[in-house]
C-alpha cells in the first residue's frame, strides 16, 4: 500500500466513479483501475462495487476512507512542514462552508489569504447544514469549515472559533407588503408565504420557531439552493428570511431588505479538527479569527 494508491482510492470516493476520478487526477482510467486492483489485493478485500459508471463502497471500502484521509493528511503535514519554514510556497487547503457565510465573511477571508499566500490553492466545498460542515471537518474531508448557527456546537473532535455575527433580515419585493425603512415585527409575518431552507439551518429554525409560537406562516418553497431565494422573492413566490450578508446583493437586484423585531442573531463559526493543522490551515485560521470581516 502506498500514498498514491490511497490518493486514487479517495478520488474515486469523492468523485463517485473511476472515469471522473481519472479525469480529475489526469491519469488514464486503466492505470487508475490497476492501482485500485493492487490496493484491493494488498488489503485482502474488494473496496468498490462497480455499478455501470458508478463506484459504490463496499463495507471494507467504507472502513478505509477515514484512515486513508488521515494518512494523506499526515503526509501533507510532513511535506508542508518542510516547505513552509518562513512562508507558504504551495499546497492546497480544503474548506467546507454553508451558503450564507460564503457570501460574507468567507469572501473577505479568502481575499486576505490570497493576498498573503498566493501560491496556496483554496478548495471551497459546499455544505448544506452546520452538521454537514462539522462532519466534513471531523472526518478529515476538509481541514476547516465555516457555518452559521444560533445553537451551541458539539465539541467532540472539533474546535469552534467565533468569527462574527449576522442579524437575520427579511427580503421582499419592492412592492411587497411592508413599507421600506420600518422593522417588521414577527407577528406581522402571520399569513405570509415564506421561502425556506432545509431543516438543520438557523434560518429554517427561525421560521419553525415562528410556527411553534402560533404565528401562522405558510411555507411556499423549501429549497436547498440558497441562490434560488432571491429570484423566487423577486418573482412574487414568497418572502425570505436570510442573514444580513445577503442584504447588499438583494438590494442591488431590486429587492427590499427589512430588519426584524425582535432581532435574531446568527453566529458565524469557523471549525477545525482537534489535531495539528497544516501551515495553510493555521494561516487561514489566524486571518479568520484575528481579522474578521469588517475589521
C-alpha atoms as a PDB file:
ATOM      1  CA  UNK A   1       0.000   0.000   0.000  1.00  0.00           C
ATOM      2  CA  UNK A   2       1.368   3.443  -0.889  1.00  0.00           C
ATOM      3  CA  UNK A   3       0.151   7.038  -0.753  1.00  0.00           C
ATOM      4  CA  UNK A   4      -0.556   7.160  -4.478  1.00  0.00           C
ATOM      5  CA  UNK A   5      -2.982   4.247  -4.136  1.00  0.00           C
ATOM      6  CA  UNK A   6      -4.739   5.968  -1.221  1.00  0.00           C
ATOM      7  CA  UNK A   7      -4.977   9.204  -3.233  1.00  0.00           C
ATOM      8  CA  UNK A   8      -6.547   7.285  -6.125  1.00  0.00           C
ATOM      9  CA  UNK A   9      -8.922   5.488  -3.747  1.00  0.00           C
ATOM     10  CA  UNK A  10     -10.161   8.750  -2.196  1.00  0.00           C
ATOM     11  CA  UNK A  11     -10.516  10.384  -5.609  1.00  0.00           C
ATOM     12  CA  UNK A  12     -12.943   7.624  -6.626  1.00  0.00           C
ATOM     13  CA  UNK A  13     -14.852   8.096  -3.347  1.00  0.00           C
ATOM     14  CA  UNK A  14     -15.054  11.879  -3.756  1.00  0.00           C
ATOM     15  CA  UNK A  15     -15.927  11.841  -7.488  1.00  0.00           C
ATOM     16  CA  UNK A  16     -18.284   8.860  -7.387  1.00  0.00           C
ATOM     17  CA  UNK A  17     -16.657   6.770 -10.096  1.00  0.00           C
ATOM     18  CA  UNK A  18     -13.488   5.676 -11.884  1.00  0.00           C
ATOM     19  CA  UNK A  19     -13.897   7.825 -15.015  1.00  0.00           C
ATOM     20  CA  UNK A  20     -14.440  11.080 -13.128  1.00  0.00           C
ATOM     21  CA  UNK A  21     -11.615  10.306 -10.712  1.00  0.00           C
ATOM     22  CA  UNK A  22      -9.225   9.531 -13.576  1.00  0.00           C
ATOM     23  CA  UNK A  23     -10.101  12.832 -15.247  1.00  0.00           C
ATOM     24  CA  UNK A  24      -9.590  14.770 -12.003  1.00  0.00           C
ATOM     25  CA  UNK A  25      -6.227  13.080 -11.412  1.00  0.00           C
ATOM     26  CA  UNK A  26      -5.090  13.407 -15.053  1.00  0.00           C
ATOM     27  CA  UNK A  27      -4.362   9.685 -15.297  1.00  0.00           C
ATOM     28  CA  UNK A  28      -5.758   7.042 -17.612  1.00  0.00           C
ATOM     29  CA  UNK A  29      -8.713   5.006 -16.408  1.00  0.00           C
ATOM     30  CA  UNK A  30      -6.811   1.678 -16.886  1.00  0.00           C
ATOM     31  CA  UNK A  31      -3.928   2.992 -14.754  1.00  0.00           C
ATOM     32  CA  UNK A  32      -6.360   4.022 -12.034  1.00  0.00           C
ATOM     33  CA  UNK A  33      -8.142   0.662 -12.128  1.00  0.00           C
ATOM     34  CA  UNK A  34      -4.829  -1.201 -11.932  1.00  0.00           C
ATOM     35  CA  UNK A  35      -3.728   0.821  -8.900  1.00  0.00           C
ATOM     36  CA  UNK A  36      -7.017   0.063  -7.112  1.00  0.00           C
ATOM     37  CA  UNK A  37      -6.721  -3.612  -8.044  1.00  0.00           C
ATOM     38  CA  UNK A  38      -3.284  -3.707  -6.391  1.00  0.00           C
ATOM     39  CA  UNK A  39      -4.640  -1.886  -3.331  1.00  0.00           C
ATOM     40  CA  UNK A  40      -7.533  -4.365  -3.038  1.00  0.00           C
ATOM     41  CA  UNK A  41      -5.070  -7.216  -3.259  1.00  0.00           C
ATOM     42  CA  UNK A  42      -2.907  -5.632  -0.545  1.00  0.00           C
ATOM     43  CA  UNK A  43      -5.813  -5.144   1.868  1.00  0.00           C
ATOM     44  CA  UNK A  44      -7.318  -8.523   1.001  1.00  0.00           C
ATOM     45  CA  UNK A  45     -10.779  -7.282   0.111  1.00  0.00           C
ATOM     46  CA  UNK A  46     -12.744  -5.543  -2.613  1.00  0.00           C
ATOM     47  CA  UNK A  47     -13.213  -1.815  -1.985  1.00  0.00           C
ATOM     48  CA  UNK A  48     -15.879  -0.934  -4.571  1.00  0.00           C
ATOM     49  CA  UNK A  49     -18.947  -2.390  -6.198  1.00  0.00           C
ATOM     50  CA  UNK A  50     -18.807  -1.386  -9.866  1.00  0.00           C
ATOM     51  CA  UNK A  51     -22.302  -0.364 -10.975  1.00  0.00           C
ATOM     52  CA  UNK A  52     -22.024   0.848 -14.528  1.00  0.00           C
ATOM     53  CA  UNK A  53     -20.069   4.091 -14.382  1.00  0.00           C
ATOM     54  CA  UNK A  54     -20.638   4.453 -10.655  1.00  0.00           C
ATOM     55  CA  UNK A  55     -18.491   3.033  -7.875  1.00  0.00           C
ATOM     56  CA  UNK A  56     -20.149   2.218  -4.551  1.00  0.00           C
ATOM     57  CA  UNK A  57     -18.070   1.486  -1.470  1.00  0.00           C
ATOM     58  CA  UNK A  58     -18.090  -1.997  -0.019  1.00  0.00           C
ATOM     59  CA  UNK A  59     -18.078  -2.385   3.745  1.00  0.00           C
ATOM     60  CA  UNK A  60     -14.292  -2.763   3.641  1.00  0.00           C
ATOM     61  CA  UNK A  61     -14.000   0.312   1.437  1.00  0.00           C
ATOM     62  CA  UNK A  62     -16.084   2.407   3.828  1.00  0.00           C
ATOM     63  CA  UNK A  63     -13.808   1.342   6.695  1.00  0.00           C
ATOM     64  CA  UNK A  64     -10.757   2.526   4.772  1.00  0.00           C
ATOM     65  CA  UNK A  65     -11.970   6.072   3.987  1.00  0.00           C
ATOM     66  CA  UNK A  66     -11.102   7.818   7.254  1.00  0.00           C
ATOM     67  CA  UNK A  67      -7.715   6.064   7.799  1.00  0.00           C
ATOM     68  CA  UNK A  68      -6.800   6.930   4.205  1.00  0.00           C
ATOM     69  CA  UNK A  69      -7.676  10.590   4.747  1.00  0.00           C
ATOM     70  CA  UNK A  70      -5.661  10.657   7.971  1.00  0.00           C
ATOM     71  CA  UNK A  71      -2.652   9.069   6.254  1.00  0.00           C
ATOM     72  CA  UNK A  72      -2.702  11.626   3.422  1.00  0.00           C
ATOM     73  CA  UNK A  73      -3.239  14.420   5.934  1.00  0.00           C
ATOM     74  CA  UNK A  74      -0.124  13.257   7.833  1.00  0.00           C
ATOM     75  CA  UNK A  75       1.829  13.223   4.576  1.00  0.00           C
ATOM     76  CA  UNK A  76       0.613  16.743   3.761  1.00  0.00           C
ATOM     77  CA  UNK A  77       1.724  17.903   7.206  1.00  0.00           C
ATOM     78  CA  UNK A  78       5.186  16.460   6.613  1.00  0.00           C
ATOM     79  CA  UNK A  79       5.504  17.991   3.142  1.00  0.00           C
ATOM     80  CA  UNK A  80       4.143  21.366   4.208  1.00  0.00           C
ATOM     81  CA  UNK A  81       6.317  21.479   7.324  1.00  0.00           C
ATOM     82  CA  UNK A  82       9.441  21.051   5.206  1.00  0.00           C
ATOM     83  CA  UNK A  83       8.421  23.548   2.539  1.00  0.00           C
ATOM     84  CA  UNK A  84       6.991  26.273   4.760  1.00  0.00           C
ATOM     85  CA  UNK A  85       9.739  27.295   7.133  1.00  0.00           C
ATOM     86  CA  UNK A  86       9.125  31.011   6.744  1.00  0.00           C
ATOM     87  CA  UNK A  87       6.241  31.309   4.292  1.00  0.00           C
ATOM     88  CA  UNK A  88       3.760  29.156   2.405  1.00  0.00           C
ATOM     89  CA  UNK A  89       5.058  28.347  -1.051  1.00  0.00           C
ATOM     90  CA  UNK A  90       2.422  25.968  -2.324  1.00  0.00           C
ATOM     91  CA  UNK A  91      -0.095  23.371  -1.241  1.00  0.00           C
ATOM     92  CA  UNK A  92      -3.867  23.222  -1.063  1.00  0.00           C
ATOM     93  CA  UNK A  93      -6.404  23.935   1.657  1.00  0.00           C
ATOM     94  CA  UNK A  94      -9.935  22.492   1.631  1.00  0.00           C
ATOM     95  CA  UNK A  95     -12.694  24.478   3.383  1.00  0.00           C
ATOM     96  CA  UNK A  96     -16.327  23.389   3.787  1.00  0.00           C
ATOM     97  CA  UNK A  97     -18.809  26.271   4.031  1.00  0.00           C
ATOM     98  CA  UNK A  98     -22.530  26.915   4.154  1.00  0.00           C
ATOM     99  CA  UNK A  99     -24.061  29.315   1.617  1.00  0.00           C
ATOM    100  CA  UNK A 100     -24.686  32.400   3.784  1.00  0.00           C
ATOM    101  CA  UNK A 101     -21.211  32.778   5.342  1.00  0.00           C
ATOM    102  CA  UNK A 102     -19.691  32.091   1.918  1.00  0.00           C
ATOM    103  CA  UNK A 103     -21.060  35.463   0.818  1.00  0.00           C
ATOM    104  CA  UNK A 104     -19.519  37.085   3.900  1.00  0.00           C
ATOM    105  CA  UNK A 105     -17.288  36.720   5.915  1.00  0.00           C
ATOM    106  CA  UNK A 106     -15.638  33.942   3.859  1.00  0.00           C
ATOM    107  CA  UNK A 107     -15.136  36.064   0.740  1.00  0.00           C
ATOM    108  CA  UNK A 108     -13.157  38.651   2.730  1.00  0.00           C
ATOM    109  CA  UNK A 109     -11.141  35.942   4.466  1.00  0.00           C
ATOM    110  CA  UNK A 110     -10.267  34.365   1.115  1.00  0.00           C
ATOM    111  CA  UNK A 111      -9.260  37.733  -0.320  1.00  0.00           C
ATOM    112  CA  UNK A 112      -6.885  38.432   2.576  1.00  0.00           C
ATOM    113  CA  UNK A 113      -5.441  34.933   2.496  1.00  0.00           C
ATOM    114  CA  UNK A 114      -4.859  35.075  -1.280  1.00  0.00           C
ATOM    115  CA  UNK A 115      -3.070  38.409  -0.914  1.00  0.00           C
ATOM    116  CA  UNK A 116      -0.681  36.951   1.663  1.00  0.00           C
ATOM    117  CA  UNK A 117      -0.266  33.430   0.277  1.00  0.00           C
ATOM    118  CA  UNK A 118      -0.955  33.481  -3.469  1.00  0.00           C
ATOM    119  CA  UNK A 119       0.811  30.147  -4.060  1.00  0.00           C
ATOM    120  CA  UNK A 120      -1.719  28.204  -1.966  1.00  0.00           C
ATOM    121  CA  UNK A 121      -4.797  26.846  -3.755  1.00  0.00           C
ATOM    122  CA  UNK A 122      -8.093  27.030  -1.849  1.00  0.00           C
ATOM    123  CA  UNK A 123     -10.825  24.455  -2.405  1.00  0.00           C
ATOM    124  CA  UNK A 124     -14.237  25.697  -1.206  1.00  0.00           C
ATOM    125  CA  UNK A 125     -16.726  22.864  -0.715  1.00  0.00           C
ATOM    126  CA  UNK A 126     -20.495  23.274  -0.342  1.00  0.00           C
ATOM    127  CA  UNK A 127     -22.133  22.072   2.877  1.00  0.00           C
ATOM    128  CA  UNK A 128     -25.858  22.489   3.461  1.00  0.00           C
ATOM    129  CA  UNK A 129     -26.126  22.462   7.257  1.00  0.00           C
ATOM    130  CA  UNK A 130     -23.918  23.010  10.312  1.00  0.00           C
ATOM    131  CA  UNK A 131     -23.909  19.239  10.849  1.00  0.00           C
ATOM    132  CA  UNK A 132     -22.585  18.743   7.307  1.00  0.00           C
ATOM    133  CA  UNK A 133     -19.744  21.196   7.929  1.00  0.00           C
ATOM    134  CA  UNK A 134     -18.801  19.578  11.237  1.00  0.00           C
ATOM    135  CA  UNK A 135     -18.879  16.086   9.717  1.00  0.00           C
ATOM    136  CA  UNK A 136     -16.609  17.051   6.809  1.00  0.00           C
ATOM    137  CA  UNK A 137     -14.073  18.552   9.192  1.00  0.00           C
ATOM    138  CA  UNK A 138     -14.359  15.789  11.785  1.00  0.00           C
ATOM    139  CA  UNK A 139     -13.756  13.023   9.241  1.00  0.00           C
ATOM    140  CA  UNK A 140     -10.897  14.854   7.517  1.00  0.00           C
ATOM    141  CA  UNK A 141     -12.618  15.653   4.219  1.00  0.00           C
ATOM    142  CA  UNK A 142     -11.828  19.337   4.821  1.00  0.00           C
ATOM    143  CA  UNK A 143      -9.375  20.900   7.252  1.00  0.00           C
ATOM    144  CA  UNK A 144     -11.566  23.888   8.075  1.00  0.00           C
ATOM    145  CA  UNK A 145     -15.273  24.617   7.964  1.00  0.00           C
ATOM    146  CA  UNK A 146     -17.421  27.732   8.183  1.00  0.00           C
ATOM    147  CA  UNK A 147     -21.012  27.591   9.366  1.00  0.00           C
ATOM    148  CA  UNK A 148     -23.805  29.775  10.682  1.00  0.00           C
ATOM    149  CA  UNK A 149     -25.758  28.703  13.738  1.00  0.00           C
ATOM    150  CA  UNK A 150     -27.843  30.004  16.618  1.00  0.00           C
ATOM    151  CA  UNK A 151     -27.185  26.892  18.744  1.00  0.00           C
ATOM    152  CA  UNK A 152     -24.116  25.560  20.569  1.00  0.00           C
ATOM    153  CA  UNK A 153     -21.931  23.124  18.643  1.00  0.00           C
ATOM    154  CA  UNK A 154     -20.829  19.687  19.805  1.00  0.00           C
ATOM    155  CA  UNK A 155     -17.139  19.933  20.672  1.00  0.00           C
ATOM    156  CA  UNK A 156     -16.145  16.294  20.115  1.00  0.00           C
ATOM    157  CA  UNK A 157     -13.243  16.127  17.645  1.00  0.00           C
ATOM    158  CA  UNK A 158     -13.707  19.746  16.504  1.00  0.00           C
ATOM    159  CA  UNK A 159     -12.694  23.157  17.809  1.00  0.00           C
ATOM    160  CA  UNK A 160     -15.106  26.100  17.216  1.00  0.00           C
ATOM    161  CA  UNK A 161     -13.788  29.633  16.604  1.00  0.00           C
ATOM    162  CA  UNK A 162     -16.249  32.540  16.685  1.00  0.00           C
ATOM    163  CA  UNK A 163     -15.647  34.835  13.684  1.00  0.00           C
ATOM    164  CA  UNK A 164     -18.554  37.269  13.862  1.00  0.00           C
ATOM    165  CA  UNK A 165     -22.327  37.597  13.957  1.00  0.00           C
ATOM    166  CA  UNK A 166     -25.054  38.375  11.448  1.00  0.00           C
ATOM    167  CA  UNK A 167     -28.614  39.535  12.076  1.00  0.00           C
ATOM    168  CA  UNK A 168     -31.473  37.924  10.221  1.00  0.00           C
ATOM    169  CA  UNK A 169     -33.356  40.195   7.822  1.00  0.00           C
ATOM    170  CA  UNK A 170     -36.490  39.932   5.711  1.00  0.00           C
ATOM    171  CA  UNK A 171     -36.237  40.154   1.910  1.00  0.00           C
ATOM    172  CA  UNK A 172     -39.377  41.182  -0.005  1.00  0.00           C
ATOM    173  CA  UNK A 173     -40.201  42.569  -3.458  1.00  0.00           C
ATOM    174  CA  UNK A 174     -40.014  46.373  -3.741  1.00  0.00           C
ATOM    175  CA  UNK A 175     -43.827  46.447  -3.911  1.00  0.00           C
ATOM    176  CA  UNK A 176     -44.159  43.930  -1.074  1.00  0.00           C
ATOM    177  CA  UNK A 177     -46.484  44.058   1.935  1.00  0.00           C
ATOM    178  CA  UNK A 178     -44.259  46.139   4.246  1.00  0.00           C
ATOM    179  CA  UNK A 179     -43.029  49.744   3.919  1.00  0.00           C
ATOM    180  CA  UNK A 180     -39.351  50.490   3.424  1.00  0.00           C
ATOM    181  CA  UNK A 181     -37.354  51.650   6.419  1.00  0.00           C
ATOM    182  CA  UNK A 182     -39.586  50.087   9.081  1.00  0.00           C
ATOM    183  CA  UNK A 183     -38.699  46.960  11.028  1.00  0.00           C
ATOM    184  CA  UNK A 184     -41.128  44.062  10.700  1.00  0.00           C
ATOM    185  CA  UNK A 185     -42.488  42.552  13.899  1.00  0.00           C
ATOM    186  CA  UNK A 186     -42.500  38.765  13.811  1.00  0.00           C
ATOM    187  CA  UNK A 187     -46.262  38.772  14.380  1.00  0.00           C
ATOM    188  CA  UNK A 188     -46.670  40.725  11.132  1.00  0.00           C
ATOM    189  CA  UNK A 189     -45.450  37.670   9.214  1.00  0.00           C
ATOM    190  CA  UNK A 190     -48.753  35.950  10.055  1.00  0.00           C
ATOM    191  CA  UNK A 191     -50.366  34.566   6.903  1.00  0.00           C
ATOM    192  CA  UNK A 192     -47.446  35.356   4.594  1.00  0.00           C
ATOM    193  CA  UNK A 193     -45.799  32.820   2.299  1.00  0.00           C
ATOM    194  CA  UNK A 194     -42.115  32.174   3.011  1.00  0.00           C
ATOM    195  CA  UNK A 195     -39.283  30.608   1.068  1.00  0.00           C
ATOM    196  CA  UNK A 196     -37.235  28.487   3.457  1.00  0.00           C
ATOM    197  CA  UNK A 197     -34.139  26.307   3.532  1.00  0.00           C
ATOM    198  CA  UNK A 198     -33.856  22.728   4.686  1.00  0.00           C
ATOM    199  CA  UNK A 199     -34.122  21.661   8.318  1.00  0.00           C
ATOM    200  CA  UNK A 200     -30.887  21.972  10.277  1.00  0.00           C
ATOM    201  CA  UNK A 201     -30.140  25.562   9.254  1.00  0.00           C
ATOM    202  CA  UNK A 202     -30.529  28.592  11.516  1.00  0.00           C
ATOM    203  CA  UNK A 203     -32.799  30.339   9.016  1.00  0.00           C
ATOM    204  CA  UNK A 204     -35.163  27.381   8.929  1.00  0.00           C
ATOM    205  CA  UNK A 205     -35.082  27.184  12.736  1.00  0.00           C
ATOM    206  CA  UNK A 206     -36.282  30.811  12.891  1.00  0.00           C
ATOM    207  CA  UNK A 207     -39.280  30.035  10.690  1.00  0.00           C
ATOM    208  CA  UNK A 208     -40.064  26.841  12.618  1.00  0.00           C
ATOM    209  CA  UNK A 209     -39.925  28.862  15.839  1.00  0.00           C
ATOM    210  CA  UNK A 210     -42.496  31.283  14.423  1.00  0.00           C
ATOM    211  CA  UNK A 211     -44.840  28.375  13.770  1.00  0.00           C
ATOM    212  CA  UNK A 212     -44.179  26.967  17.253  1.00  0.00           C
ATOM    213  CA  UNK A 213     -45.255  30.324  18.729  1.00  0.00           C
ATOM    214  CA  UNK A 214     -48.546  30.109  16.875  1.00  0.00           C
ATOM    215  CA  UNK A 215     -47.672  32.545  14.084  1.00  0.00           C
ATOM    216  CA  UNK A 216     -49.302  31.043  11.015  1.00  0.00           C
ATOM    217  CA  UNK A 217     -46.670  31.486   8.310  1.00  0.00           C
ATOM    218  CA  UNK A 218     -47.024  29.443   5.125  1.00  0.00           C
ATOM    219  CA  UNK A 219     -44.071  27.650   3.555  1.00  0.00           C
ATOM    220  CA  UNK A 220     -44.276  28.337  -0.170  1.00  0.00           C
ATOM    221  CA  UNK A 221     -40.981  26.708  -1.199  1.00  0.00           C
ATOM    222  CA  UNK A 222     -38.456  24.609   0.677  1.00  0.00           C
ATOM    223  CA  UNK A 223     -35.118  24.503  -1.137  1.00  0.00           C
ATOM    224  CA  UNK A 224     -31.503  23.540  -0.540  1.00  0.00           C
ATOM    225  CA  UNK A 225     -30.454  26.021  -3.231  1.00  0.00           C
ATOM    226  CA  UNK A 226     -29.892  29.263  -1.340  1.00  0.00           C
ATOM    227  CA  UNK A 227     -29.207  31.168  -4.569  1.00  0.00           C
ATOM    228  CA  UNK A 228     -32.823  30.457  -5.553  1.00  0.00           C
ATOM    229  CA  UNK A 229     -34.180  32.593  -2.692  1.00  0.00           C
ATOM    230  CA  UNK A 230     -33.716  35.960  -4.380  1.00  0.00           C
ATOM    231  CA  UNK A 231     -35.207  35.081  -7.812  1.00  0.00           C
ATOM    232  CA  UNK A 232     -38.196  33.488  -6.072  1.00  0.00           C
ATOM    233  CA  UNK A 233     -38.761  36.571  -3.916  1.00  0.00           C
ATOM    234  CA  UNK A 234     -38.489  38.902  -6.900  1.00  0.00           C
ATOM    235  CA  UNK A 235     -40.872  36.627  -8.796  1.00  0.00           C
ATOM    236  CA  UNK A 236     -43.531  37.094  -6.126  1.00  0.00           C
ATOM    237  CA  UNK A 237     -43.469  33.500  -4.880  1.00  0.00           C
ATOM    238  CA  UNK A 238     -42.920  34.484  -1.259  1.00  0.00           C
ATOM    239  CA  UNK A 239     -40.782  36.372   1.265  1.00  0.00           C
ATOM    240  CA  UNK A 240     -37.469  35.112   2.655  1.00  0.00           C
ATOM    241  CA  UNK A 241     -35.664  35.391   5.971  1.00  0.00           C
ATOM    242  CA  UNK A 242     -31.906  35.415   5.344  1.00  0.00           C
ATOM    243  CA  UNK A 243     -28.739  36.595   7.069  1.00  0.00           C
ATOM    244  CA  UNK A 244     -27.724  40.210   6.519  1.00  0.00           C
ATOM    245  CA  UNK A 245     -24.764  39.014   4.437  1.00  0.00           C
ATOM    246  CA  UNK A 246     -27.286  38.755   1.570  1.00  0.00           C
ATOM    247  CA  UNK A 247     -28.566  42.331   2.024  1.00  0.00           C
ATOM    248  CA  UNK A 248     -26.276  44.081  -0.447  1.00  0.00           C
ATOM    249  CA  UNK A 249     -26.834  41.519  -3.204  1.00  0.00           C
ATOM    250  CA  UNK A 250     -30.605  41.594  -2.599  1.00  0.00           C
ATOM    251  CA  UNK A 251     -30.833  45.386  -2.768  1.00  0.00           C
ATOM    252  CA  UNK A 252     -28.729  45.566  -5.919  1.00  0.00           C
ATOM    253  CA  UNK A 253     -31.091  43.060  -7.518  1.00  0.00           C
ATOM    254  CA  UNK A 254     -34.073  45.289  -6.730  1.00  0.00           C
ATOM    255  CA  UNK A 255     -35.434  43.675  -3.563  1.00  0.00           C
ATOM    256  CA  UNK A 256     -36.356  45.382  -0.304  1.00  0.00           C
ATOM    257  CA  UNK A 257     -34.403  44.393   2.823  1.00  0.00           C
ATOM    258  CA  UNK A 258     -36.072  44.989   6.199  1.00  0.00           C
ATOM    259  CA  UNK A 259     -34.982  44.496   9.796  1.00  0.00           C
ATOM    260  CA  UNK A 260     -36.835  42.024  12.001  1.00  0.00           C
ATOM    261  CA  UNK A 261     -38.106  42.725  15.512  1.00  0.00           C
ATOM    262  CA  UNK A 262     -37.083  41.400  17.893  1.00  0.00           C
ATOM    263  CA  UNK A 263     -33.607  40.968  16.361  1.00  0.00           C
ATOM    264  CA  UNK A 264     -32.411  37.412  15.724  1.00  0.00           C
ATOM    265  CA  UNK A 265     -28.672  36.740  15.646  1.00  0.00           C
ATOM    266  CA  UNK A 266     -26.788  34.022  13.812  1.00  0.00           C
ATOM    267  CA  UNK A 267     -23.205  33.221  14.828  1.00  0.00           C
ATOM    268  CA  UNK A 268     -20.511  32.595  12.214  1.00  0.00           C
ATOM    269  CA  UNK A 269     -18.269  29.788  13.449  1.00  0.00           C
ATOM    270  CA  UNK A 270     -15.049  28.509  11.898  1.00  0.00           C
ATOM    271  CA  UNK A 271     -14.364  24.917  12.936  1.00  0.00           C
ATOM    272  CA  UNK A 272     -11.127  22.964  12.830  1.00  0.00           C
ATOM    273  CA  UNK A 273     -10.143  19.467  13.897  1.00  0.00           C
ATOM    274  CA  UNK A 274      -8.783  18.951  17.383  1.00  0.00           C
ATOM    275  CA  UNK A 275      -5.425  17.983  15.863  1.00  0.00           C
ATOM    276  CA  UNK A 276      -2.332  19.533  14.331  1.00  0.00           C
ATOM    277  CA  UNK A 277      -3.161  21.720  11.331  1.00  0.00           C
ATOM    278  CA  UNK A 278      -1.158  22.248   8.161  1.00  0.00           C
ATOM    279  CA  UNK A 279       0.587  25.628   7.884  1.00  0.00           C
ATOM    280  CA  UNK A 280      -2.012  26.752   5.316  1.00  0.00           C
ATOM    281  CA  UNK A 281      -4.882  25.959   7.686  1.00  0.00           C
ATOM    282  CA  UNK A 282      -3.143  27.696  10.589  1.00  0.00           C
ATOM    283  CA  UNK A 283      -2.557  30.789   8.463  1.00  0.00           C
ATOM    284  CA  UNK A 284      -6.164  30.892   7.266  1.00  0.00           C
ATOM    285  CA  UNK A 285      -7.494  30.381  10.787  1.00  0.00           C
ATOM    286  CA  UNK A 286      -5.330  33.234  12.048  1.00  0.00           C
ATOM    287  CA  UNK A 287      -6.851  35.548   9.420  1.00  0.00           C
ATOM    288  CA  UNK A 288     -10.362  34.326  10.196  1.00  0.00           C
ATOM    289  CA  UNK A 289     -10.185  34.683  13.972  1.00  0.00           C
ATOM    290  CA  UNK A 290      -7.989  37.711  14.422  1.00  0.00           C
ATOM    291  CA  UNK A 291      -9.185  39.808  11.493  1.00  0.00           C
ATOM    292  CA  UNK A 292     -12.858  39.051  10.870  1.00  0.00           C
ATOM    293  CA  UNK A 293     -14.734  40.672   8.004  1.00  0.00           C
ATOM    294  CA  UNK A 294     -15.345  44.362   8.507  1.00  0.00           C
ATOM    295  CA  UNK A 295     -12.384  44.861  10.855  1.00  0.00           C
END
